[in-house]
Structures are given as structure tokens and as C-alpha cells.
N, C-alpha and C. Protein backbone atom coordinates (compact mmCIF):
# COMPACT_ATOMS: atom_id res chain seq x y z
N MET A 1 136.47 53.79 78.31
CA MET A 1 137.80 54.40 78.46
C MET A 1 137.93 55.64 77.56
N THR A 2 137.28 55.60 76.40
CA THR A 2 137.38 56.73 75.46
C THR A 2 136.75 57.98 76.07
N GLN A 3 135.63 57.81 76.76
CA GLN A 3 134.98 58.98 77.37
C GLN A 3 135.85 59.56 78.48
N PHE A 4 136.51 58.70 79.26
CA PHE A 4 137.39 59.20 80.32
C PHE A 4 138.55 59.99 79.71
N GLN A 5 139.05 59.53 78.56
CA GLN A 5 140.14 60.25 77.89
C GLN A 5 139.65 61.63 77.43
N ARG A 6 138.41 61.70 76.95
CA ARG A 6 137.86 62.98 76.47
C ARG A 6 137.66 63.94 77.64
N LEU A 7 137.26 63.41 78.80
CA LEU A 7 137.01 64.25 79.96
C LEU A 7 138.29 64.61 80.71
N ASP A 8 139.41 64.04 80.29
CA ASP A 8 140.70 64.30 80.96
C ASP A 8 141.05 65.78 80.80
N PRO A 9 141.32 66.50 81.90
CA PRO A 9 141.63 67.94 81.82
C PRO A 9 142.79 68.25 80.88
N SER A 10 143.74 67.33 80.76
CA SER A 10 144.91 67.58 79.89
C SER A 10 144.48 67.65 78.42
N HIS A 11 143.36 66.99 78.07
CA HIS A 11 142.86 67.02 76.69
C HIS A 11 141.90 68.18 76.48
N PHE A 12 141.48 68.84 77.58
CA PHE A 12 140.54 69.95 77.48
C PHE A 12 141.32 71.20 77.10
N GLY A 13 141.31 71.52 75.79
CA GLY A 13 142.14 72.61 75.28
C GLY A 13 141.44 73.96 75.29
N LEU A 14 142.15 74.95 74.77
CA LEU A 14 141.65 76.33 74.75
C LEU A 14 140.46 76.45 73.79
N LYS A 15 140.47 75.67 72.71
CA LYS A 15 139.37 75.73 71.74
C LYS A 15 138.04 75.34 72.39
N GLN A 16 138.06 74.26 73.19
CA GLN A 16 136.85 73.83 73.88
C GLN A 16 136.37 74.91 74.84
N LEU A 17 137.31 75.54 75.55
CA LEU A 17 136.97 76.58 76.53
C LEU A 17 136.34 77.77 75.82
N ILE A 18 136.92 78.19 74.70
CA ILE A 18 136.36 79.31 73.93
C ILE A 18 134.96 78.95 73.42
N GLY A 19 134.78 77.70 72.99
CA GLY A 19 133.48 77.25 72.50
C GLY A 19 132.43 77.31 73.60
N VAL A 20 132.79 76.86 74.80
CA VAL A 20 131.85 76.88 75.93
C VAL A 20 131.48 78.32 76.27
N ILE A 21 132.46 79.22 76.28
CA ILE A 21 132.21 80.63 76.60
C ILE A 21 131.30 81.25 75.53
N ALA A 22 131.56 80.93 74.25
CA ALA A 22 130.75 81.47 73.16
C ALA A 22 129.30 81.02 73.29
N ILE A 23 129.08 79.73 73.60
CA ILE A 23 127.73 79.19 73.77
C ILE A 23 127.05 79.88 74.95
N ALA A 24 127.79 80.06 76.05
CA ALA A 24 127.23 80.72 77.24
C ALA A 24 126.81 82.15 76.91
N LYS A 25 127.61 82.86 76.12
CA LYS A 25 127.28 84.24 75.74
C LYS A 25 126.02 84.27 74.89
N ILE A 26 125.88 83.33 73.95
CA ILE A 26 124.71 83.27 73.08
C ILE A 26 123.45 83.01 73.91
N ILE A 27 123.55 82.04 74.84
CA ILE A 27 122.40 81.69 75.69
C ILE A 27 122.00 82.88 76.56
N SER A 28 122.99 83.54 77.17
CA SER A 28 122.70 84.67 78.05
C SER A 28 122.08 85.82 77.26
N SER A 29 122.59 86.09 76.06
CA SER A 29 122.05 87.19 75.25
C SER A 29 120.61 86.88 74.85
N ARG A 30 120.29 85.61 74.54
CA ARG A 30 118.92 85.23 74.19
C ARG A 30 118.00 85.36 75.39
N LEU A 31 118.50 84.96 76.57
CA LEU A 31 117.69 85.07 77.78
C LEU A 31 117.38 86.54 78.07
N ILE A 32 118.37 87.42 77.89
CA ILE A 32 118.15 88.86 78.12
C ILE A 32 117.11 89.37 77.12
N GLY A 33 117.20 88.94 75.87
CA GLY A 33 116.24 89.35 74.85
C GLY A 33 114.82 88.91 75.21
N TRP A 34 114.67 87.67 75.68
CA TRP A 34 113.35 87.17 76.08
C TRP A 34 112.81 87.95 77.28
N MET A 35 113.69 88.27 78.24
CA MET A 35 113.28 89.03 79.42
C MET A 35 112.75 90.40 79.00
N GLN A 36 113.44 91.05 78.06
CA GLN A 36 113.02 92.37 77.58
C GLN A 36 111.68 92.27 76.85
N MET A 37 111.50 91.21 76.06
CA MET A 37 110.23 91.02 75.34
C MET A 37 109.09 90.83 76.33
N ILE A 38 109.32 90.01 77.37
CA ILE A 38 108.28 89.74 78.38
C ILE A 38 107.94 91.04 79.12
N LYS A 39 108.95 91.81 79.49
CA LYS A 39 108.71 93.07 80.21
C LYS A 39 108.00 94.08 79.30
N GLY A 40 108.43 94.13 78.02
CA GLY A 40 107.82 95.08 77.08
C GLY A 40 106.38 94.71 76.76
N GLY A 41 106.11 93.39 76.66
CA GLY A 41 104.77 92.92 76.34
C GLY A 41 103.86 93.01 77.53
């Protein structure tokens, strides 16, 4: 029941959304960096 409460959209706040976006930006920037290294090498 605790996991269902955590996954409830009403409990999914702006902080979690900002965190997810920040992680996505970090991952995408690293992927772009690796792509450039592979192309350069």
C-alpha cells in the first residue's frame, strides 16, 4: 500500500518533476559528450 501511495499522482510534486528533468538533462549531456568523443576518435 505504501508504494501505491508513493506512485499516486497527487503525491507526485513539482520537486520530483524537477529532479527527473535534471537527471534527464545530465544523461542527455553525457550521451552527447560520448557521441562527440566517438566521432572525434
